[in-house]
Amino acid sequence: MALKITDECINCDVCEPVCPNQAITMGELIYVIEPSRCTECVGHFDEPQCVVVCPVNCIPLDTMHQETREELLVKYQKLVVHQALG
């Protein structure tokens, strides 16, 4: 399941640089997570790095984008191959 950033975000800028999939970008008012790029850090880390560093705990699971760990791993593999091909 992808993650999302809620409106409790304080734009502290710590989540975006730790995302290994470049899934986090600045939105209109707060940071946003692109579900097609979010793997919850599966394939990179044991836990989502944005959640680890978030000081206000505003990054829950996005129930609109439910995925199993296996589906997240497939997404990770596709992203890695796409990055390698440049």
PDB file of N, CA and C in Angstrom:
ATOM      1  N   MET A   1       0.846  -1.166   0.000  1.00  0.00           N
ATOM      2  CA  MET A   1       0.000   0.000   0.000  1.00  0.00           C
ATOM      3  C   MET A   1       0.897   1.237   0.000  1.00  0.00           C
ATOM      4  N   ALA A   2       0.582   2.180  -0.813  1.00  0.00           N
ATOM      5  CA  ALA A   2       1.345   3.421  -0.834  1.00  0.00           C
ATOM      6  C   ALA A   2       1.051   4.221   0.435  1.00  0.00           C
ATOM      7  N   LEU A   3       1.861   5.213   0.658  1.00  0.00           N
ATOM      8  CA  LEU A   3       1.676   6.117   1.788  1.00  0.00           C
ATOM      9  C   LEU A   3       1.123   7.435   1.269  1.00  0.00           C
ATOM     10  N   LYS A   4       0.633   8.269   2.186  1.00  0.00           N
ATOM     11  CA  LYS A   4       0.185   9.605   1.802  1.00  0.00           C
ATOM     12  C   LYS A   4       0.588  10.579   2.901  1.00  0.00           C
ATOM     13  N   ILE A   5       0.673  11.832   2.545  1.00  0.00           N
ATOM     14  CA  ILE A   5       0.999  12.880   3.504  1.00  0.00           C
ATOM     15  C   ILE A   5      -0.273  13.661   3.775  1.00  0.00           C
ATOM     16  N   THR A   6      -0.616  13.810   5.044  1.00  0.00           N
ATOM     17  CA  THR A   6      -1.850  14.503   5.413  1.00  0.00           C
ATOM     18  C   THR A   6      -1.617  16.004   5.544  1.00  0.00           C
ATOM     19  N   ASP A   7      -2.699  16.732   5.718  1.00  0.00           N
ATOM     20  CA  ASP A   7      -2.603  18.188   5.838  1.00  0.00           C
ATOM     21  C   ASP A   7      -1.987  18.637   7.164  1.00  0.00           C
ATOM     22  N   GLU A   8      -1.597  17.697   7.996  1.00  0.00           N
ATOM     23  CA  GLU A   8      -0.855  18.034   9.215  1.00  0.00           C
ATOM     24  C   GLU A   8       0.622  18.312   8.910  1.00  0.00           C
ATOM     25  N   CYS A   9       1.023  18.095   7.667  1.00  0.00           N
ATOM     26  CA  CYS A   9       2.405  18.334   7.232  1.00  0.00           C
ATOM     27  C   CYS A   9       2.812  19.773   7.525  1.00  0.00           C
ATOM     28  N   ILE A  10       4.015  19.950   8.061  1.00  0.00           N
ATOM     29  CA  ILE A  10       4.528  21.284   8.383  1.00  0.00           C
ATOM     30  C   ILE A  10       5.615  21.732   7.395  1.00  0.00           C
ATOM     31  N   ASN A  11       5.752  21.016   6.291  1.00  0.00           N
ATOM     32  CA  ASN A  11       6.745  21.349   5.258  1.00  0.00           C
ATOM     33  C   ASN A  11       8.152  21.489   5.823  1.00  0.00           C
ATOM     34  N   CYS A  12       8.531  20.539   6.646  1.00  0.00           N
ATOM     35  CA  CYS A  12       9.855  20.601   7.277  1.00  0.00           C
ATOM     36  C   CYS A  12      10.976  20.147   6.346  1.00  0.00           C
ATOM     37  N   ASP A  13      10.617  19.584   5.213  1.00  0.00           N
ATOM     38  CA  ASP A  13      11.578  19.196   4.171  1.00  0.00           C
ATOM     39  C   ASP A  13      12.442  17.978   4.499  1.00  0.00           C
ATOM     40  N   VAL A  14      12.086  17.177   5.488  1.00  0.00           N
ATOM     41  CA  VAL A  14      12.939  16.030   5.805  1.00  0.00           C
ATOM     42  C   VAL A  14      12.536  14.752   5.065  1.00  0.00           C
ATOM     43  N   CYS A  15      11.301  14.652   4.607  1.00  0.00           N
ATOM     44  CA  CYS A  15      10.853  13.412   3.965  1.00  0.00           C
ATOM     45  C   CYS A  15      11.345  13.273   2.526  1.00  0.00           C
ATOM     46  N   GLU A  16      11.317  14.340   1.792  1.00  0.00           N
ATOM     47  CA  GLU A  16      11.635  14.278   0.367  1.00  0.00           C
ATOM     48  C   GLU A  16      13.030  13.731   0.080  1.00  0.00           C
ATOM     49  N   PRO A  17      14.075  14.196   0.746  1.00  0.00           N
ATOM     50  CA  PRO A  17      15.407  13.683   0.409  1.00  0.00           C
ATOM     51  C   PRO A  17      15.667  12.237   0.832  1.00  0.00           C
ATOM     52  N   VAL A  18      14.876  11.682   1.757  1.00  0.00           N
ATOM     53  CA  VAL A  18      15.130  10.304   2.185  1.00  0.00           C
ATOM     54  C   VAL A  18      14.366   9.267   1.357  1.00  0.00           C
ATOM     55  N   CYS A  19      13.519   9.717   0.456  1.00  0.00           N
ATOM     56  CA  CYS A  19      12.732   8.779  -0.364  1.00  0.00           C
ATOM     57  C   CYS A  19      13.612   8.201  -1.472  1.00  0.00           C
ATOM     58  N   PRO A  20      13.869   6.899  -1.451  1.00  0.00           N
ATOM     59  CA  PRO A  20      14.746   6.298  -2.458  1.00  0.00           C
ATOM     60  C   PRO A  20      14.123   6.203  -3.850  1.00  0.00           C
ATOM     61  N   ASN A  21      12.809   6.395  -3.940  1.00  0.00           N
ATOM     62  CA  ASN A  21      12.112   6.280  -5.221  1.00  0.00           C
ATOM     63  C   ASN A  21      11.709   7.627  -5.809  1.00  0.00           C
ATOM     64  N   GLN A  22      12.135   8.715  -5.186  1.00  0.00           N
ATOM     65  CA  GLN A  22      11.738  10.054  -5.620  1.00  0.00           C
ATOM     66  C   GLN A  22      10.216  10.166  -5.767  1.00  0.00           C
ATOM     67  N   ALA A  23       9.507   9.568  -4.806  1.00  0.00           N
ATOM     68  CA  ALA A  23       8.046   9.584  -4.829  1.00  0.00           C
ATOM     69  C   ALA A  23       7.470  10.824  -4.146  1.00  0.00           C
ATOM     70  N   ILE A  24       8.287  11.554  -3.401  1.00  0.00           N
ATOM     71  CA  ILE A  24       7.805  12.704  -2.636  1.00  0.00           C
ATOM     72  C   ILE A  24       8.253  13.996  -3.306  1.00  0.00           C
ATOM     73  N   THR A  25       7.279  14.868  -3.552  1.00  0.00           N
ATOM     74  CA  THR A  25       7.565  16.173  -4.142  1.00  0.00           C
ATOM     75  C   THR A  25       6.731  17.234  -3.435  1.00  0.00           C
ATOM     76  N   MET A  26       7.108  18.471  -3.622  1.00  0.00           N
ATOM     77  CA  MET A  26       6.334  19.562  -3.040  1.00  0.00           C
ATOM     78  C   MET A  26       5.079  19.751  -3.859  1.00  0.00           C
ATOM     79  N   GLY A  27       3.945  19.707  -3.192  1.00  0.00           N
ATOM     80  CA  GLY A  27       2.675  19.952  -3.848  1.00  0.00           C
ATOM     81  C   GLY A  27       2.324  21.424  -3.791  1.00  0.00           C
ATOM     82  N   GLU A  28       1.064  21.723  -3.993  1.00  0.00           N
ATOM     83  CA  GLU A  28       0.617  23.108  -3.973  1.00  0.00           C
ATOM     84  C   GLU A  28       0.826  23.755  -2.598  1.00  0.00           C
ATOM     85  N   LEU A  29       0.485  23.014  -1.531  1.00  0.00           N
ATOM     86  CA  LEU A  29       0.614  23.553  -0.178  1.00  0.00           C
ATOM     87  C   LEU A  29       1.529  22.732   0.722  1.00  0.00           C
ATOM     88  N   ILE A  30       1.518  21.424   0.513  1.00  0.00           N
ATOM     89  CA  ILE A  30       2.320  20.516   1.334  1.00  0.00           C
ATOM     90  C   ILE A  30       2.982  19.489   0.419  1.00  0.00           C
ATOM     91  N   TYR A  31       3.857  18.701   0.994  1.00  0.00           N
ATOM     92  CA  TYR A  31       4.475  17.621   0.229  1.00  0.00           C
ATOM     93  C   TYR A  31       3.436  16.563  -0.117  1.00  0.00           C
ATOM     94  N   VAL A  32       3.632  15.886  -1.238  1.00  0.00           N
ATOM     95  CA  VAL A  32       2.731  14.831  -1.688  1.00  0.00           C
ATOM     96  C   VAL A  32       3.550  13.604  -2.083  1.00  0.00           C
ATOM     97  N   ILE A  33       2.904  12.462  -2.023  1.00  0.00           N
ATOM     98  CA  ILE A  33       3.545  11.208  -2.417  1.00  0.00           C
ATOM     99  C   ILE A  33       2.854  10.680  -3.668  1.00  0.00           C
ATOM    100  N   GLU A  34       3.631  10.382  -4.688  1.00  0.00           N
ATOM    101  CA  GLU A  34       3.115   9.804  -5.928  1.00  0.00           C
ATOM    102  C   GLU A  34       2.945   8.298  -5.708  1.00  0.00           C
ATOM    103  N   PRO A  35       1.698   7.812  -5.659  1.00  0.00           N
ATOM    104  CA  PRO A  35       1.462   6.398  -5.366  1.00  0.00           C
ATOM    105  C   PRO A  35       2.153   5.433  -6.327  1.00  0.00           C
ATOM    106  N   SER A  36       2.300   5.827  -7.582  1.00  0.00           N
ATOM    107  CA  SER A  36       2.930   4.920  -8.555  1.00  0.00           C
ATOM    108  C   SER A  36       4.424   4.741  -8.299  1.00  0.00           C
ATOM    109  N   ARG A  37       5.019   5.598  -7.481  1.00  0.00           N
ATOM    110  CA  ARG A  37       6.444   5.498  -7.162  1.00  0.00           C
ATOM    111  C   ARG A  37       6.701   5.043  -5.729  1.00  0.00           C
ATOM    112  N   CYS A  38       5.665   5.045  -4.894  1.00  0.00           N
ATOM    113  CA  CYS A  38       5.838   4.689  -3.481  1.00  0.00           C
ATOM    114  C   CYS A  38       5.795   3.173  -3.303  1.00  0.00           C
ATOM    115  N   THR A  39       6.866   2.644  -2.724  1.00  0.00           N
ATOM    116  CA  THR A  39       6.932   1.212  -2.421  1.00  0.00           C
ATOM    117  C   THR A  39       7.024   0.967  -0.918  1.00  0.00           C
ATOM    118  N   GLU A  40       6.756   2.008  -0.119  1.00  0.00           N
ATOM    119  CA  GLU A  40       6.952   1.938   1.333  1.00  0.00           C
ATOM    120  C   GLU A  40       8.391   1.533   1.647  1.00  0.00           C
ATOM    121  N   CYS A  41       9.284   1.859   0.759  1.00  0.00           N
ATOM    122  CA  CYS A  41      10.716   1.548   0.846  1.00  0.00           C
ATOM    123  C   CYS A  41      11.021   0.052   0.734  1.00  0.00           C
ATOM    124  N   VAL A  42      10.028  -0.754   0.350  1.00  0.00           N
ATOM    125  CA  VAL A  42      10.268  -2.176   0.094  1.00  0.00           C
ATOM    126  C   VAL A  42      11.332  -2.270  -0.998  1.00  0.00           C
ATOM    127  N   GLY A  43      12.326  -3.101  -0.762  1.00  0.00           N
ATOM    128  CA  GLY A  43      13.436  -3.247  -1.695  1.00  0.00           C
ATOM    129  C   GLY A  43      14.627  -2.383  -1.331  1.00  0.00           C
ATOM    130  N   HIS A  44      14.395  -1.366  -0.521  1.00  0.00           N
ATOM    131  CA  HIS A  44      15.467  -0.458  -0.101  1.00  0.00           C
ATOM    132  C   HIS A  44      15.754  -0.572   1.398  1.00  0.00           C
ATOM    133  N   PHE A  45      14.695  -0.488   2.204  1.00  0.00           N
ATOM    134  CA  PHE A  45      14.824  -0.451   3.660  1.00  0.00           C
ATOM    135  C   PHE A  45      13.757  -1.324   4.311  1.00  0.00           C
ATOM    136  N   ASP A  46      13.918  -1.592   5.590  1.00  0.00           N
ATOM    137  CA  ASP A  46      12.948  -2.403   6.331  1.00  0.00           C
ATOM    138  C   ASP A  46      11.682  -1.640   6.687  1.00  0.00           C
ATOM    139  N   GLU A  47      11.746  -0.309   6.686  1.00  0.00           N
ATOM    140  CA  GLU A  47      10.572   0.502   7.007  1.00  0.00           C
ATOM    141  C   GLU A  47      10.620   1.790   6.194  1.00  0.00           C
ATOM    142  N   PRO A  48       9.451   2.393   5.960  1.00  0.00           N
ATOM    143  CA  PRO A  48       9.403   3.621   5.164  1.00  0.00           C
ATOM    144  C   PRO A  48      10.215   4.742   5.811  1.00  0.00           C
ATOM    145  N   GLN A  49      11.192   5.234   5.090  1.00  0.00           N
ATOM    146  CA  GLN A  49      12.092   6.240   5.640  1.00  0.00           C
ATOM    147  C   GLN A  49      11.400   7.572   5.905  1.00  0.00           C
ATOM    148  N   CYS A  50      10.410   7.926   5.102  1.00  0.00           N
ATOM    149  CA  CYS A  50       9.695   9.180   5.337  1.00  0.00           C
ATOM    150  C   CYS A  50       8.957   9.134   6.674  1.00  0.00           C
ATOM    151  N   VAL A  51       8.393   7.981   7.002  1.00  0.00           N
ATOM    152  CA  VAL A  51       7.694   7.814   8.281  1.00  0.00           C
ATOM    153  C   VAL A  51       8.702   7.908   9.432  1.00  0.00           C
ATOM    154  N   VAL A  52       9.859   7.324   9.250  1.00  0.00           N
ATOM    155  CA  VAL A  52      10.892   7.335  10.286  1.00  0.00           C
ATOM    156  C   VAL A  52      11.315   8.761  10.622  1.00  0.00           C
ATOM    157  N   VAL A  53      11.491   9.618   9.628  1.00  0.00           N
ATOM    158  CA  VAL A  53      12.014  10.958   9.874  1.00  0.00           C
ATOM    159  C   VAL A  53      10.955  12.019  10.134  1.00  0.00           C
ATOM    160  N   CYS A  54       9.697  11.731   9.869  1.00  0.00           N
ATOM    161  CA  CYS A  54       8.629  12.736  10.006  1.00  0.00           C
ATOM    162  C   CYS A  54       8.432  13.139  11.470  1.00  0.00           C
ATOM    163  N   PRO A  55       8.619  14.418  11.789  1.00  0.00           N
ATOM    164  CA  PRO A  55       8.494  14.851  13.180  1.00  0.00           C
ATOM    165  C   PRO A  55       7.052  15.024  13.664  1.00  0.00           C
ATOM    166  N   VAL A  56       6.097  15.045  12.732  1.00  0.00           N
ATOM    167  CA  VAL A  56       4.703  15.255  13.155  1.00  0.00           C
ATOM    168  C   VAL A  56       3.812  14.041  12.890  1.00  0.00           C
ATOM    169  N   ASN A  57       4.414  12.943  12.444  1.00  0.00           N
ATOM    170  CA  ASN A  57       3.670  11.702  12.258  1.00  0.00           C
ATOM    171  C   ASN A  57       2.450  11.885  11.341  1.00  0.00           C
ATOM    172  N   CYS A  58       2.686  12.465  10.160  1.00  0.00           N
ATOM    173  CA  CYS A  58       1.575  12.760   9.242  1.00  0.00           C
ATOM    174  C   CYS A  58       1.623  11.937   7.956  1.00  0.00           C
ATOM    175  N   ILE A  59       2.233  10.739   8.014  1.00  0.00           N
ATOM    176  CA  ILE A  59       2.351   9.918   6.805  1.00  0.00           C
ATOM    177  C   ILE A  59       1.761   8.526   7.061  1.00  0.00           C
ATOM    178  N   PRO A  60       0.438   8.403   6.941  1.00  0.00           N
ATOM    179  CA  PRO A  60      -0.208   7.104   7.127  1.00  0.00           C
ATOM    180  C   PRO A  60      -0.268   6.318   5.811  1.00  0.00           C
ATOM    181  N   LEU A  61      -0.759   5.100   5.903  1.00  0.00           N
ATOM    182  CA  LEU A  61      -1.019   4.300   4.704  1.00  0.00           C
ATOM    183  C   LEU A  61      -2.144   4.956   3.916  1.00  0.00           C
ATOM    184  N   ASP A  62      -2.059   4.869   2.612  1.00  0.00           N
ATOM    185  CA  ASP A  62      -3.089   5.417   1.725  1.00  0.00           C
ATOM    186  C   ASP A  62      -4.039   4.291   1.352  1.00  0.00           C
ATOM    187  N   THR A  63      -5.179   4.249   1.989  1.00  0.00           N
ATOM    188  CA  THR A  63      -6.131   3.154   1.766  1.00  0.00           C
ATOM    189  C   THR A  63      -6.717   3.161   0.352  1.00  0.00           C
ATOM    190  N   MET A  64      -6.513   4.242  -0.375  1.00  0.00           N
ATOM    191  CA  MET A  64      -6.977   4.299  -1.769  1.00  0.00           C
ATOM    192  C   MET A  64      -6.026   3.556  -2.713  1.00  0.00           C
ATOM    193  N   HIS A  65      -4.856   3.189  -2.220  1.00  0.00           N
ATOM    194  CA  HIS A  65      -3.858   2.499  -3.040  1.00  0.00           C
ATOM    195  C   HIS A  65      -3.334   1.274  -2.289  1.00  0.00           C
ATOM    196  N   GLN A  66      -4.183   0.275  -2.168  1.00  0.00           N
ATOM    197  CA  GLN A  66      -3.822  -0.928  -1.422  1.00  0.00           C
ATOM    198  C   GLN A  66      -2.984  -1.866  -2.283  1.00  0.00           C
ATOM    199  N   GLU A  67      -1.859  -2.291  -1.705  1.00  0.00           N
ATOM    200  CA  GLU A  67      -0.956  -3.216  -2.381  1.00  0.00           C
ATOM    201  C   GLU A  67      -0.348  -4.152  -1.346  1.00  0.00           C
ATOM    202  N   THR A  68      -0.099  -5.366  -1.769  1.00  0.00           N
ATOM    203  CA  THR A  68       0.571  -6.319  -0.892  1.00  0.00           C
ATOM    204  C   THR A  68       2.073  -6.053  -0.920  1.00  0.00           C
ATOM    205  N   ARG A  69       2.790  -6.652  -0.003  1.00  0.00           N
ATOM    206  CA  ARG A  69       4.256  -6.523  -0.006  1.00  0.00           C
ATOM    207  C   ARG A  69       4.834  -7.046  -1.318  1.00  0.00           C
ATOM    208  N   GLU A  70       4.257  -8.114  -1.844  1.00  0.00           N
ATOM    209  CA  GLU A  70       4.726  -8.682  -3.113  1.00  0.00           C
ATOM    210  C   GLU A  70       4.502  -7.693  -4.261  1.00  0.00           C
ATOM    211  N   GLU A  71       3.355  -7.018  -4.273  1.00  0.00           N
ATOM    212  CA  GLU A  71       3.084  -6.026  -5.313  1.00  0.00           C
ATOM    213  C   GLU A  71       4.037  -4.833  -5.186  1.00  0.00           C
ATOM    214  N   LEU A  72       4.337  -4.442  -3.953  1.00  0.00           N
ATOM    215  CA  LEU A  72       5.289  -3.352  -3.742  1.00  0.00           C
ATOM    216  C   LEU A  72       6.679  -3.744  -4.231  1.00  0.00           C
ATOM    217  N   LEU A  73       7.062  -4.998  -4.036  1.00  0.00           N
ATOM    218  CA  LEU A  73       8.362  -5.469  -4.504  1.00  0.00           C
ATOM    219  C   LEU A  73       8.427  -5.463  -6.032  1.00  0.00           C
ATOM    220  N   VAL A  74       7.350  -5.857  -6.695  1.00  0.00           N
ATOM    221  CA  VAL A  74       7.304  -5.810  -8.163  1.00  0.00           C
ATOM    222  C   VAL A  74       7.429  -4.364  -8.645  1.00  0.00           C
ATOM    223  N   LYS A  75       6.730  -3.442  -7.969  1.00  0.00           N
ATOM    224  CA  LYS A  75       6.823  -2.022  -8.325  1.00  0.00           C
ATOM    225  C   LYS A  75       8.258  -1.532  -8.147  1.00  0.00           C
ATOM    226  N   TYR A  76       8.876  -1.906  -7.035  1.00  0.00           N
ATOM    227  CA  TYR A  76      10.278  -1.539  -6.777  1.00  0.00           C
ATOM    228  C   TYR A  76      11.168  -2.038  -7.917  1.00  0.00           C
ATOM    229  N   GLN A  77      11.004  -3.299  -8.304  1.00  0.00           N
ATOM    230  CA  GLN A  77      11.842  -3.875  -9.361  1.00  0.00           C
ATOM    231  C   GLN A  77      11.654  -3.128 -10.681  1.00  0.00           C
ATOM    232  N   LYS A  78      10.430  -2.739 -11.007  1.00  0.00           N
ATOM    233  CA  LYS A  78      10.167  -1.978 -12.232  1.00  0.00           C
ATOM    234  C   LYS A  78      10.824  -0.598 -12.162  1.00  0.00           C
ATOM    235  N   LEU A  79      10.753   0.042 -10.994  1.00  0.00           N
ATOM    236  CA  LEU A  79      11.375   1.354 -10.832  1.00  0.00           C
ATOM    237  C   LEU A  79      12.894   1.268 -10.977  1.00  0.00           C
ATOM    238  N   VAL A  80      13.498   0.227 -10.414  1.00  0.00           N
ATOM    239  CA  VAL A  80      14.953   0.058 -10.487  1.00  0.00           C
ATOM    240  C   VAL A  80      15.377  -0.185 -11.935  1.00  0.00           C
ATOM    241  N   VAL A  81      14.645  -0.999 -12.648  1.00  0.00           N
ATOM    242  CA  VAL A  81      14.969  -1.278 -14.050  1.00  0.00           C
ATOM    243  C   VAL A  81      14.809   0.005 -14.869  1.00  0.00           C
ATOM    244  N   HIS A  82      13.752   0.755 -14.616  1.00  0.00           N
ATOM    245  CA  HIS A  82      13.518   2.012 -15.350  1.00  0.00           C
ATOM    246  C   HIS A  82      14.657   3.001 -15.090  1.00  0.00           C
ATOM    247  N   GLN A  83      15.110   3.106 -13.837  1.00  0.00           N
ATOM    248  CA  GLN A  83      16.206   4.006 -13.488  1.00  0.00           C
ATOM    249  C   GLN A  83      17.507   3.551 -14.162  1.00  0.00           C
ATOM    250  N   ALA A  84      17.727   2.244 -14.222  1.00  0.00           N
ATOM    251  CA  ALA A  84      18.955   1.727 -14.828  1.00  0.00           C
ATOM    252  C   ALA A  84      19.003   2.001 -16.322  1.00  0.00           C
ATOM    253  N   LEU A  85      17.826   1.974 -16.961  1.00  0.00           N
ATOM    254  CA  LEU A  85      17.774   2.235 -18.400  1.00  0.00           C
ATOM    255  C   LEU A  85      17.856   3.726 -18.702  1.00  0.00           C
ATOM    256  N   GLY A  86      17.629   4.518 -17.669  1.00  0.00           N
ATOM    257  CA  GLY A  86      17.855   5.936 -17.723  1.00  0.00           C
ATOM    258  C   GLY A  86      16.892   6.762 -18.409  1.00  0.00           C
TER     259      GLY A  86
END
